[in-house]
Amino acid sequence: SILVNEGFFLYASFSGTTLIFTIRIGTILYTGNVGDSRCVLCSKGNNNENGTPFVVKALSVDQKPSDKEEMERILAAGGRVAPLPGYGPDEDAGPDRVWLADVDVPGLAMSRSIGDAISHTVGVIHTPVVTKHQLNGDDLFIVLASDGVWEFIDDFDACSVIMETANDLHQAAENLVQESNAAWKAEEEVVDDITCLIVALN
């Protein structure tokens, strides 16, 4: 009866999404983040200490329930933070997730989300963390991507893939998606959401 008559309610209660966005106002780039999607900036290197032709800067921070302040908010709201239980005793299948106090739901692996109404009853919020970056002539592009892109590829490696075809950012996005997909298949039996957008800044 609940599934038939209140199916939409259940869907909204246990489903949500991350959000990453940027707004450019003059020479300031504002980045807002809810969850564990990420925005990364790539700029010219100018003979930096790594000896690479570019430098990488994260413009957002993944919001995870294991983070001290995020966990404190969840625990204060009556939630629980623990890894996904494993198949054997004392075995877990991390990472830390958000749970109700006495029930193993919803199991959300991020501490902020749009939607996931059940998780919002135990401290998950939808308030974005907003950062700002002063643009300059060395900034090349930003890449905004869902957590599936970043699971097995770090910020620097992602920008390295993009730089290989930096004159064609559409192809660069395709290449990054393919690299992320291949990394998932090498490590897991499933593949998480893989979405990315690359925006030139000059």
N, C-alpha and C. Protein backbone atom coordinates (compact mmCIF):
# COMPACT_ATOMS: atom_id res chain seq x y z
N SER A 1 0.83 -1.19 0.00
CA SER A 1 0.00 0.00 0.00
C SER A 1 0.88 1.25 0.00
N ILE A 2 1.91 1.26 0.83
CA ILE A 2 2.79 2.42 0.88
C ILE A 2 3.50 2.61 -0.45
N LEU A 3 3.97 1.51 -1.02
CA LEU A 3 4.71 1.59 -2.27
C LEU A 3 3.82 2.09 -3.40
N VAL A 4 2.55 1.68 -3.39
CA VAL A 4 1.64 2.08 -4.46
C VAL A 4 1.15 3.51 -4.26
N ASN A 5 0.68 3.81 -3.07
CA ASN A 5 0.04 5.11 -2.84
C ASN A 5 1.02 6.22 -2.51
N GLU A 6 2.17 5.87 -1.97
CA GLU A 6 3.11 6.90 -1.57
C GLU A 6 4.48 6.66 -2.19
N GLY A 7 4.45 6.09 -3.38
CA GLY A 7 5.71 5.77 -4.04
C GLY A 7 6.58 6.98 -4.27
N PHE A 8 5.97 8.09 -4.67
CA PHE A 8 6.75 9.30 -4.92
C PHE A 8 7.40 9.79 -3.62
N PHE A 9 6.65 9.70 -2.53
CA PHE A 9 7.19 10.13 -1.23
C PHE A 9 8.41 9.30 -0.87
N LEU A 10 8.32 7.97 -1.06
CA LEU A 10 9.45 7.11 -0.73
C LEU A 10 10.64 7.40 -1.63
N TYR A 11 10.36 7.67 -2.90
CA TYR A 11 11.44 7.97 -3.83
C TYR A 11 12.19 9.22 -3.39
N ALA A 12 11.46 10.27 -3.02
CA ALA A 12 12.09 11.51 -2.58
C ALA A 12 12.77 11.33 -1.23
N SER A 13 12.25 10.45 -0.40
CA SER A 13 12.80 10.27 0.93
C SER A 13 14.17 9.62 0.91
N PHE A 14 14.38 8.71 -0.04
CA PHE A 14 15.63 7.96 -0.09
C PHE A 14 16.48 8.29 -1.31
N SER A 15 16.13 9.34 -2.04
CA SER A 15 16.91 9.71 -3.21
C SER A 15 17.30 11.18 -3.11
N GLY A 16 18.50 11.46 -3.56
CA GLY A 16 18.97 12.83 -3.55
C GLY A 16 20.08 13.02 -4.56
N THR A 17 20.76 14.13 -4.45
CA THR A 17 21.82 14.39 -5.42
C THR A 17 22.84 15.35 -4.83
N THR A 18 24.01 15.32 -5.40
CA THR A 18 25.01 16.33 -5.09
C THR A 18 24.79 17.53 -6.01
N LEU A 19 25.47 18.62 -5.72
CA LEU A 19 25.38 19.81 -6.56
C LEU A 19 26.72 20.52 -6.54
N ILE A 20 27.23 20.85 -7.71
CA ILE A 20 28.42 21.69 -7.82
C ILE A 20 28.13 22.74 -8.88
N PHE A 21 28.40 24.00 -8.56
CA PHE A 21 28.14 25.05 -9.55
C PHE A 21 29.16 26.17 -9.39
N THR A 22 29.36 26.91 -10.45
CA THR A 22 30.22 28.08 -10.40
C THR A 22 29.50 29.26 -11.04
N ILE A 23 29.79 30.43 -10.53
CA ILE A 23 29.27 31.67 -11.08
C ILE A 23 30.45 32.63 -11.21
N ARG A 24 30.62 33.19 -12.40
CA ARG A 24 31.67 34.17 -12.59
C ARG A 24 31.07 35.57 -12.57
N ILE A 25 31.55 36.39 -11.66
CA ILE A 25 31.12 37.78 -11.57
C ILE A 25 32.38 38.64 -11.69
N GLY A 26 32.54 39.27 -12.82
CA GLY A 26 33.77 40.02 -13.06
C GLY A 26 34.96 39.09 -13.10
N THR A 27 35.90 39.32 -12.21
CA THR A 27 37.10 38.47 -12.15
C THR A 27 37.07 37.51 -10.97
N ILE A 28 35.91 37.36 -10.34
CA ILE A 28 35.77 36.44 -9.22
C ILE A 28 34.95 35.23 -9.65
N LEU A 29 35.47 34.06 -9.34
CA LEU A 29 34.75 32.81 -9.61
C LEU A 29 34.24 32.26 -8.28
N TYR A 30 32.92 32.21 -8.13
CA TYR A 30 32.30 31.66 -6.93
C TYR A 30 31.90 30.21 -7.20
N THR A 31 32.23 29.34 -6.28
CA THR A 31 31.90 27.92 -6.43
C THR A 31 31.07 27.47 -5.24
N GLY A 32 29.92 26.87 -5.50
CA GLY A 32 29.07 26.34 -4.45
C GLY A 32 29.02 24.82 -4.54
N ASN A 33 29.08 24.17 -3.39
CA ASN A 33 29.12 22.71 -3.38
C ASN A 33 28.20 22.14 -2.31
N VAL A 34 27.41 21.14 -2.70
CA VAL A 34 26.59 20.37 -1.77
C VAL A 34 26.91 18.89 -2.04
N GLY A 35 27.60 18.23 -1.14
CA GLY A 35 27.90 16.81 -1.33
C GLY A 35 29.32 16.55 -1.75
N ASP A 36 29.48 15.58 -2.65
CA ASP A 36 30.84 15.14 -3.00
C ASP A 36 31.16 15.21 -4.49
N SER A 37 30.43 16.03 -5.24
CA SER A 37 30.93 16.41 -6.55
C SER A 37 32.04 17.42 -6.30
N ARG A 38 32.81 17.75 -7.34
CA ARG A 38 34.00 18.58 -7.11
C ARG A 38 34.27 19.50 -8.27
N CYS A 39 34.83 20.68 -7.94
CA CYS A 39 35.30 21.63 -8.95
C CYS A 39 36.80 21.82 -8.77
N VAL A 40 37.55 21.66 -9.87
CA VAL A 40 39.00 21.77 -9.83
C VAL A 40 39.45 22.78 -10.89
N LEU A 41 40.38 23.63 -10.50
CA LEU A 41 40.93 24.65 -11.38
C LEU A 41 42.31 24.22 -11.87
N CYS A 42 42.57 24.42 -13.15
CA CYS A 42 43.90 24.15 -13.72
C CYS A 42 44.46 25.47 -14.25
N SER A 43 45.68 25.79 -13.85
CA SER A 43 46.33 27.04 -14.27
C SER A 43 47.72 26.74 -14.83
N LYS A 44 48.28 27.70 -15.53
CA LYS A 44 49.63 27.56 -16.06
C LYS A 44 50.61 27.36 -14.92
N GLY A 45 51.64 26.55 -15.18
CA GLY A 45 52.57 26.18 -14.12
C GLY A 45 53.62 27.21 -13.80
N ASN A 46 54.17 27.89 -14.81
CA ASN A 46 55.24 28.85 -14.58
C ASN A 46 56.41 28.25 -13.81
N ASN A 47 56.85 27.07 -14.28
CA ASN A 47 58.01 26.39 -13.68
C ASN A 47 57.82 26.12 -12.19
N ASN A 48 56.67 25.58 -11.85
CA ASN A 48 56.38 25.30 -10.45
C ASN A 48 57.25 24.16 -9.93
N GLU A 49 57.18 23.93 -8.64
CA GLU A 49 58.08 22.97 -7.99
C GLU A 49 57.90 21.54 -8.48
N ASN A 50 56.74 21.21 -9.03
CA ASN A 50 56.53 19.86 -9.55
C ASN A 50 57.13 19.66 -10.93
N GLY A 51 57.58 20.75 -11.52
CA GLY A 51 58.16 20.65 -12.85
C GLY A 51 57.15 20.36 -13.94
N THR A 52 55.88 20.66 -13.68
CA THR A 52 54.82 20.42 -14.66
C THR A 52 54.38 21.75 -15.27
N PRO A 53 53.80 21.70 -16.47
CA PRO A 53 53.37 22.94 -17.11
C PRO A 53 52.06 23.49 -16.57
N PHE A 54 51.53 22.90 -15.53
CA PHE A 54 50.28 23.39 -14.96
C PHE A 54 50.22 23.10 -13.47
N VAL A 55 49.37 23.85 -12.78
CA VAL A 55 49.12 23.62 -11.35
C VAL A 55 47.62 23.41 -11.15
N VAL A 56 47.28 22.70 -10.10
CA VAL A 56 45.89 22.31 -9.84
C VAL A 56 45.46 22.84 -8.48
N LYS A 57 44.24 23.35 -8.42
CA LYS A 57 43.68 23.85 -7.17
C LYS A 57 42.23 23.43 -7.06
N ALA A 58 41.88 22.75 -5.99
CA ALA A 58 40.48 22.39 -5.76
C ALA A 58 39.72 23.62 -5.31
N LEU A 59 38.59 23.90 -5.96
CA LEU A 59 37.75 25.03 -5.59
C LEU A 59 36.58 24.61 -4.71
N SER A 60 36.53 23.33 -4.37
CA SER A 60 35.49 22.81 -3.48
C SER A 60 36.11 21.72 -2.62
N VAL A 61 35.42 21.39 -1.54
CA VAL A 61 35.85 20.32 -0.64
C VAL A 61 34.72 19.30 -0.55
N ASP A 62 35.03 18.03 -0.77
CA ASP A 62 34.02 16.98 -0.64
C ASP A 62 33.48 16.97 0.78
N GLN A 63 32.18 16.88 0.92
CA GLN A 63 31.55 16.90 2.24
C GLN A 63 31.18 15.47 2.63
N LYS A 64 31.98 14.92 3.52
CA LYS A 64 31.84 13.53 3.93
C LYS A 64 31.45 13.44 5.41
N PRO A 65 30.68 12.41 5.80
CA PRO A 65 30.29 12.28 7.20
C PRO A 65 31.45 12.00 8.14
N SER A 66 32.61 11.61 7.61
CA SER A 66 33.78 11.38 8.44
C SER A 66 34.48 12.67 8.84
N ASP A 67 34.18 13.79 8.14
CA ASP A 67 34.77 15.07 8.49
C ASP A 67 34.28 15.50 9.88
N LYS A 68 35.16 16.04 10.68
CA LYS A 68 34.86 16.31 12.09
C LYS A 68 33.60 17.17 12.28
N GLU A 69 33.54 18.32 11.64
CA GLU A 69 32.40 19.21 11.83
C GLU A 69 31.11 18.61 11.27
N GLU A 70 31.22 17.94 10.14
CA GLU A 70 30.04 17.32 9.54
C GLU A 70 29.51 16.20 10.45
N MET A 71 30.43 15.39 10.98
CA MET A 71 30.03 14.30 11.87
C MET A 71 29.38 14.83 13.14
N GLU A 72 29.94 15.90 13.70
CA GLU A 72 29.38 16.47 14.92
C GLU A 72 27.93 16.90 14.71
N ARG A 73 27.66 17.50 13.56
CA ARG A 73 26.28 17.93 13.27
C ARG A 73 25.34 16.74 13.16
N ILE A 74 25.79 15.69 12.50
CA ILE A 74 24.97 14.49 12.30
C ILE A 74 24.70 13.80 13.64
N LEU A 75 25.73 13.65 14.46
CA LEU A 75 25.56 13.00 15.76
C LEU A 75 24.65 13.83 16.67
N ALA A 76 24.80 15.15 16.62
CA ALA A 76 23.95 16.02 17.44
C ALA A 76 22.49 15.93 17.04
N ALA A 77 22.23 15.59 15.78
CA ALA A 77 20.85 15.46 15.29
C ALA A 77 20.29 14.07 15.52
N GLY A 78 21.06 13.21 16.16
CA GLY A 78 20.57 11.86 16.46
C GLY A 78 20.92 10.83 15.41
N GLY A 79 21.78 11.18 14.48
CA GLY A 79 22.21 10.23 13.45
C GLY A 79 23.39 9.40 13.90
N ARG A 80 23.83 8.56 13.01
CA ARG A 80 24.95 7.65 13.29
C ARG A 80 25.87 7.65 12.08
N VAL A 81 27.17 7.63 12.32
CA VAL A 81 28.16 7.59 11.24
C VAL A 81 28.96 6.30 11.38
N ALA A 82 28.90 5.46 10.35
CA ALA A 82 29.62 4.18 10.38
C ALA A 82 29.74 3.66 8.95
N PRO A 83 30.72 2.78 8.71
CA PRO A 83 30.85 2.19 7.37
C PRO A 83 29.69 1.24 7.07
N LEU A 84 29.53 0.92 5.81
CA LEU A 84 28.57 -0.10 5.40
C LEU A 84 29.03 -1.44 5.97
N PRO A 85 28.13 -2.17 6.64
CA PRO A 85 28.54 -3.46 7.22
C PRO A 85 29.02 -4.42 6.14
N GLY A 86 30.06 -5.20 6.46
CA GLY A 86 30.59 -6.18 5.52
C GLY A 86 29.89 -7.51 5.67
N TYR A 87 30.40 -8.52 4.99
CA TYR A 87 29.77 -9.84 5.01
C TYR A 87 30.18 -10.66 6.23
N GLY A 88 31.35 -10.39 6.77
CA GLY A 88 31.82 -11.16 7.91
C GLY A 88 31.82 -10.33 9.18
N PRO A 89 32.07 -10.98 10.33
CA PRO A 89 32.13 -10.24 11.60
C PRO A 89 33.29 -9.26 11.60
N ASP A 90 33.03 -8.08 12.15
CA ASP A 90 34.04 -7.02 12.24
C ASP A 90 34.58 -6.60 10.87
N GLU A 91 33.82 -6.87 9.83
CA GLU A 91 34.23 -6.47 8.48
C GLU A 91 33.33 -5.33 8.01
N ASP A 92 33.94 -4.31 7.45
CA ASP A 92 33.14 -3.23 6.91
C ASP A 92 33.50 -3.01 5.44
N ALA A 93 32.60 -2.34 4.76
CA ALA A 93 32.80 -2.07 3.34
C ALA A 93 32.77 -0.56 3.13
N GLY A 94 33.54 0.17 3.98
CA GLY A 94 33.63 1.63 3.96
C GLY A 94 33.16 2.24 2.66
N PRO A 95 33.07 3.53 2.54
CA PRO A 95 33.46 4.54 3.51
C PRO A 95 32.38 4.80 4.56
N ASP A 96 32.65 5.73 5.47
CA ASP A 96 31.65 6.11 6.46
C ASP A 96 30.39 6.63 5.77
N ARG A 97 29.25 6.26 6.35
CA ARG A 97 27.96 6.68 5.82
C ARG A 97 27.07 7.20 6.93
N VAL A 98 26.00 7.88 6.54
CA VAL A 98 25.02 8.41 7.50
C VAL A 98 23.88 7.41 7.65
N TRP A 99 23.57 7.08 8.91
CA TRP A 99 22.50 6.14 9.21
C TRP A 99 21.58 6.73 10.27
N LEU A 100 20.34 6.23 10.31
CA LEU A 100 19.47 6.51 11.45
C LEU A 100 20.06 5.83 12.68
N ALA A 101 19.63 6.26 13.85
CA ALA A 101 20.24 5.77 15.08
C ALA A 101 20.17 4.25 15.23
N ASP A 102 19.01 3.66 14.91
CA ASP A 102 18.81 2.24 15.19
C ASP A 102 18.48 1.41 13.95
N VAL A 103 18.52 2.03 12.78
CA VAL A 103 18.16 1.32 11.55
C VAL A 103 19.23 1.60 10.49
N ASP A 104 19.58 0.58 9.73
CA ASP A 104 20.61 0.75 8.70
C ASP A 104 20.05 1.37 7.43
N VAL A 105 19.51 2.57 7.55
CA VAL A 105 19.10 3.40 6.42
C VAL A 105 19.43 4.84 6.81
N PRO A 106 19.68 5.75 5.89
CA PRO A 106 19.71 5.55 4.44
C PRO A 106 21.07 5.10 3.90
N GLY A 107 22.13 5.20 4.69
CA GLY A 107 23.45 4.79 4.22
C GLY A 107 24.06 5.77 3.24
N LEU A 108 23.84 7.04 3.46
CA LEU A 108 24.32 8.08 2.56
C LEU A 108 25.81 8.34 2.79
N ALA A 109 26.60 8.33 1.72
CA ALA A 109 28.05 8.46 1.84
C ALA A 109 28.53 9.90 1.77
N MET A 110 27.63 10.85 1.88
CA MET A 110 28.01 12.27 1.95
C MET A 110 27.18 12.92 3.03
N SER A 111 27.65 14.07 3.53
CA SER A 111 27.00 14.69 4.67
C SER A 111 26.08 15.83 4.29
N ARG A 112 26.04 16.18 3.00
CA ARG A 112 25.12 17.20 2.51
C ARG A 112 24.51 16.70 1.21
N SER A 113 23.25 16.99 1.02
CA SER A 113 22.55 16.49 -0.15
C SER A 113 21.30 17.30 -0.42
N ILE A 114 20.97 17.43 -1.70
CA ILE A 114 19.66 17.95 -2.09
C ILE A 114 18.74 16.74 -2.22
N GLY A 115 17.71 16.68 -1.42
CA GLY A 115 16.89 15.48 -1.38
C GLY A 115 17.33 14.59 -0.23
N ASP A 116 17.05 13.28 -0.34
CA ASP A 116 17.35 12.34 0.75
C ASP A 116 16.67 12.82 2.03
N ALA A 117 15.35 12.96 1.98
CA ALA A 117 14.61 13.53 3.10
C ALA A 117 14.83 12.78 4.40
N ILE A 118 14.96 11.47 4.34
CA ILE A 118 15.20 10.69 5.57
C ILE A 118 16.51 11.10 6.22
N SER A 119 17.56 11.27 5.40
CA SER A 119 18.86 11.65 5.96
C SER A 119 18.83 13.06 6.55
N HIS A 120 17.93 13.89 6.07
CA HIS A 120 17.83 15.26 6.60
C HIS A 120 17.25 15.26 8.00
N THR A 121 16.63 14.18 8.42
CA THR A 121 16.12 14.11 9.79
C THR A 121 17.23 13.84 10.79
N VAL A 122 18.42 13.46 10.29
CA VAL A 122 19.54 13.16 11.19
C VAL A 122 20.80 13.97 10.81
N GLY A 123 20.59 15.22 10.43
CA GLY A 123 21.72 16.12 10.32
C GLY A 123 22.29 16.38 8.95
N VAL A 124 21.86 15.63 7.93
CA VAL A 124 22.29 15.95 6.57
C VAL A 124 21.57 17.23 6.15
N ILE A 125 22.31 18.16 5.52
CA ILE A 125 21.72 19.43 5.13
C ILE A 125 21.98 19.69 3.65
N HIS A 126 21.28 20.69 3.11
CA HIS A 126 21.46 21.02 1.70
C HIS A 126 22.12 22.38 1.51
N THR A 127 22.66 22.95 2.59
CA THR A 127 23.32 24.25 2.51
C THR A 127 24.67 24.12 1.80
N PRO A 128 24.90 24.88 0.73
CA PRO A 128 26.18 24.76 0.03
C PRO A 128 27.31 25.47 0.78
N VAL A 129 28.50 24.97 0.59
CA VAL A 129 29.71 25.69 1.01
C VAL A 129 30.20 26.45 -0.20
N VAL A 130 30.33 27.78 -0.07
CA VAL A 130 30.69 28.63 -1.21
C VAL A 130 32.11 29.17 -1.01
N THR A 131 32.93 29.02 -2.03
CA THR A 131 34.28 29.57 -2.02
C THR A 131 34.40 30.58 -3.15
N LYS A 132 35.45 31.40 -3.09
CA LYS A 132 35.68 32.33 -4.20
C LYS A 132 37.15 32.31 -4.60
N HIS A 133 37.36 32.52 -5.88
CA HIS A 133 38.72 32.53 -6.44
C HIS A 133 38.89 33.74 -7.33
N GLN A 134 39.99 34.46 -7.11
CA GLN A 134 40.31 35.61 -7.95
C GLN A 134 40.97 35.11 -9.23
N LEU A 135 40.28 35.28 -10.35
CA LEU A 135 40.82 34.81 -11.62
C LEU A 135 42.01 35.66 -12.05
N ASN A 136 42.95 35.02 -12.76
CA ASN A 136 44.07 35.75 -13.32
C ASN A 136 44.42 35.16 -14.68
N GLY A 137 45.36 35.75 -15.36
CA GLY A 137 45.69 35.34 -16.73
C GLY A 137 46.26 33.96 -16.85
N ASP A 138 46.69 33.35 -15.73
CA ASP A 138 47.26 32.00 -15.79
C ASP A 138 46.20 30.91 -15.72
N ASP A 139 44.99 31.25 -15.31
CA ASP A 139 43.93 30.24 -15.16
C ASP A 139 43.48 29.75 -16.53
N LEU A 140 43.46 28.43 -16.71
CA LEU A 140 43.15 27.83 -18.01
C LEU A 140 41.71 27.33 -18.10
N PHE A 141 41.31 26.49 -17.16
CA PHE A 141 39.97 25.91 -17.21
C PHE A 141 39.59 25.37 -15.85
N ILE A 142 38.30 25.12 -15.67
CA ILE A 142 37.81 24.39 -14.50
C ILE A 142 37.13 23.12 -14.98
N VAL A 143 37.19 22.11 -14.16
CA VAL A 143 36.45 20.88 -14.44
C VAL A 143 35.51 20.64 -13.27
N LEU A 144 34.23 20.50 -13.58
CA LEU A 144 33.21 20.19 -12.59
C LEU A 144 32.76 18.76 -12.85
N ALA A 145 32.81 17.91 -11.84
CA ALA A 145 32.50 16.50 -12.09
C ALA A 145 31.88 15.84 -10.87
N SER A 146 31.08 14.83 -11.13
CA SER A 146 30.45 14.05 -10.06
C SER A 146 31.49 13.17 -9.40
N ASP A 147 31.11 12.61 -8.24
CA ASP A 147 32.07 11.85 -7.45
C ASP A 147 32.59 10.61 -8.16
N GLY A 148 31.85 10.10 -9.13
CA GLY A 148 32.33 8.93 -9.86
C GLY A 148 33.61 9.20 -10.63
N VAL A 149 33.81 10.43 -11.03
CA VAL A 149 35.06 10.79 -11.73
C VAL A 149 36.23 10.76 -10.77
N TRP A 150 36.00 11.19 -9.53
CA TRP A 150 37.10 11.38 -8.57
C TRP A 150 37.40 10.16 -7.71
N GLU A 151 36.61 9.12 -7.82
CA GLU A 151 36.79 7.96 -6.94
C GLU A 151 38.18 7.35 -7.07
N PHE A 152 38.66 7.20 -8.30
CA PHE A 152 39.95 6.56 -8.52
C PHE A 152 40.94 7.45 -9.27
N ILE A 153 40.54 8.68 -9.56
CA ILE A 153 41.41 9.62 -10.27
C ILE A 153 41.51 10.89 -9.44
N ASP A 154 42.73 11.30 -9.09
CA ASP A 154 42.86 12.51 -8.28
C ASP A 154 42.85 13.76 -9.15
N ASP A 155 42.86 14.91 -8.51
CA ASP A 155 42.73 16.18 -9.21
C ASP A 155 43.82 16.37 -10.27
N PHE A 156 45.06 16.08 -9.87
CA PHE A 156 46.18 16.28 -10.78
C PHE A 156 46.09 15.38 -11.99
N ASP A 157 45.78 14.11 -11.77
CA ASP A 157 45.70 13.17 -12.90
C ASP A 157 44.55 13.52 -13.84
N ALA A 158 43.45 14.01 -13.28
CA ALA A 158 42.33 14.42 -14.13
C ALA A 158 42.75 15.57 -15.04
N CYS A 159 43.45 16.54 -14.47
CA CYS A 159 43.91 17.67 -15.29
C CYS A 159 44.97 17.23 -16.30
N SER A 160 45.76 16.23 -15.95
CA SER A 160 46.74 15.70 -16.89
C SER A 160 46.05 15.11 -18.11
N VAL A 161 44.97 14.38 -17.89
CA VAL A 161 44.20 13.81 -19.00
C VAL A 161 43.65 14.93 -19.88
N ILE A 162 43.11 15.96 -19.24
CA ILE A 162 42.52 17.07 -20.00
C ILE A 162 43.58 17.81 -20.80
N MET A 163 44.75 18.01 -20.21
CA MET A 163 45.80 18.78 -20.88
C MET A 163 46.30 18.09 -22.15
N GLU A 164 46.12 16.78 -22.25
CA GLU A 164 46.57 16.07 -23.45
C GLU A 164 45.84 16.53 -24.70
N THR A 165 44.60 16.97 -24.53
CA THR A 165 43.82 17.50 -25.67
C THR A 165 43.18 18.82 -25.28
N ALA A 166 43.97 19.70 -24.66
CA ALA A 166 43.43 20.95 -24.13
C ALA A 166 42.88 21.87 -25.21
N ASN A 167 43.28 21.65 -26.46
CA ASN A 167 42.74 22.47 -27.56
C ASN A 167 41.35 22.00 -27.99
N ASP A 168 40.90 20.89 -27.45
CA ASP A 168 39.57 20.35 -27.76
C ASP A 168 38.97 19.84 -26.46
N LEU A 169 38.30 20.72 -25.73
CA LEU A 169 37.81 20.36 -24.40
C LEU A 169 36.67 19.35 -24.45
N HIS A 170 35.94 19.32 -25.56
CA HIS A 170 34.91 18.28 -25.70
C HIS A 170 35.57 16.91 -25.71
N GLN A 171 36.63 16.76 -26.49
CA GLN A 171 37.35 15.49 -26.52
C GLN A 171 38.00 15.20 -25.18
N ALA A 172 38.50 16.26 -24.52
CA ALA A 172 39.12 16.08 -23.22
C ALA A 172 38.12 15.52 -22.21
N ALA A 173 36.87 16.04 -22.26
CA ALA A 173 35.83 15.52 -21.37
C ALA A 173 35.54 14.06 -21.66
N GLU A 174 35.47 13.71 -22.94
CA GLU A 174 35.26 12.31 -23.33
C GLU A 174 36.39 11.44 -22.79
N ASN A 175 37.62 11.92 -22.90
CA ASN A 175 38.77 11.14 -22.44
C ASN A 175 38.73 10.93 -20.93
N LEU A 176 38.34 11.99 -20.20
CA LEU A 176 38.28 11.86 -18.75
C LEU A 176 37.20 10.88 -18.33
N VAL A 177 36.06 10.91 -18.99
CA VAL A 177 34.99 9.96 -18.71
C VAL A 177 35.46 8.53 -18.97
N GLN A 178 36.14 8.33 -20.07
CA GLN A 178 36.64 6.99 -20.40
C GLN A 178 37.67 6.51 -19.39
N GLU A 179 38.56 7.41 -18.96
CA GLU A 179 39.57 7.04 -17.95
C GLU A 179 38.89 6.66 -16.64
N SER A 180 37.90 7.44 -16.25
CA SER A 180 37.19 7.16 -14.99
C SER A 180 36.45 5.84 -15.07
N ASN A 181 35.79 5.59 -16.19
CA ASN A 181 35.06 4.34 -16.38
C ASN A 181 36.00 3.14 -16.32
N ALA A 182 37.16 3.26 -16.97
CA ALA A 182 38.12 2.16 -16.96
C ALA A 182 38.66 1.91 -15.55
N ALA A 183 38.88 2.98 -14.80
CA ALA A 183 39.37 2.84 -13.43
C ALA A 183 38.35 2.11 -12.56
N TRP A 184 37.07 2.45 -12.72
CA TRP A 184 36.02 1.76 -11.97
C TRP A 184 35.99 0.27 -12.30
N LYS A 185 36.03 -0.04 -13.59
CA LYS A 185 35.94 -1.44 -14.01
C LYS A 185 37.13 -2.26 -13.52
N ALA A 186 38.27 -1.59 -13.34
CA ALA A 186 39.46 -2.28 -12.84
C ALA A 186 39.39 -2.56 -11.35
N GLU A 187 38.54 -1.78 -10.64
CA GLU A 187 38.49 -1.88 -9.18
C GLU A 187 37.20 -2.47 -8.63
N GLU A 188 36.08 -2.28 -9.34
CA GLU A 188 34.77 -2.64 -8.81
C GLU A 188 33.94 -3.39 -9.85
N GLU A 189 32.85 -4.01 -9.38
CA GLU A 189 31.93 -4.69 -10.28
C GLU A 189 30.85 -3.74 -10.80
N VAL A 190 30.72 -2.60 -10.18
CA VAL A 190 29.75 -1.60 -10.61
C VAL A 190 30.48 -0.31 -10.94
N VAL A 191 29.80 0.57 -11.65
CA VAL A 191 30.36 1.87 -12.00
C VAL A 191 29.42 2.96 -11.49
N ASP A 192 29.95 3.90 -10.71
CA ASP A 192 29.15 4.99 -10.18
C ASP A 192 28.91 6.03 -11.27
N ASP A 193 28.07 7.01 -10.96
CA ASP A 193 27.79 8.08 -11.92
C ASP A 193 29.06 8.80 -12.32
N ILE A 194 29.25 8.97 -13.61
CA ILE A 194 30.43 9.66 -14.14
C ILE A 194 29.95 10.79 -15.05
N THR A 195 30.03 12.00 -14.56
CA THR A 195 29.60 13.18 -15.31
C THR A 195 30.64 14.27 -15.14
N CYS A 196 31.01 14.92 -16.23
CA CYS A 196 31.96 16.02 -16.10
C CYS A 196 31.68 17.12 -17.11
N LEU A 197 32.09 18.32 -16.73
CA LEU A 197 31.96 19.50 -17.58
C LEU A 197 33.26 20.28 -17.45
N ILE A 198 33.83 20.68 -18.58
CA ILE A 198 35.07 21.46 -18.57
C ILE A 198 34.76 22.83 -19.17
N VAL A 199 35.18 23.88 -18.48
CA VAL A 199 34.90 25.24 -18.92
C VAL A 199 36.21 26.01 -19.06
N ALA A 200 36.47 26.53 -20.28
CA ALA A 200 37.67 27.34 -20.51
C ALA A 200 37.49 28.69 -19.83
N LEU A 201 38.57 29.23 -19.27
CA LEU A 201 38.50 30.50 -18.55
C LEU A 201 39.11 31.65 -19.33
N ASN A 202 39.82 31.37 -20.39
CA ASN A 202 40.45 32.42 -21.20
C ASN A 202 40.10 32.24 -22.67
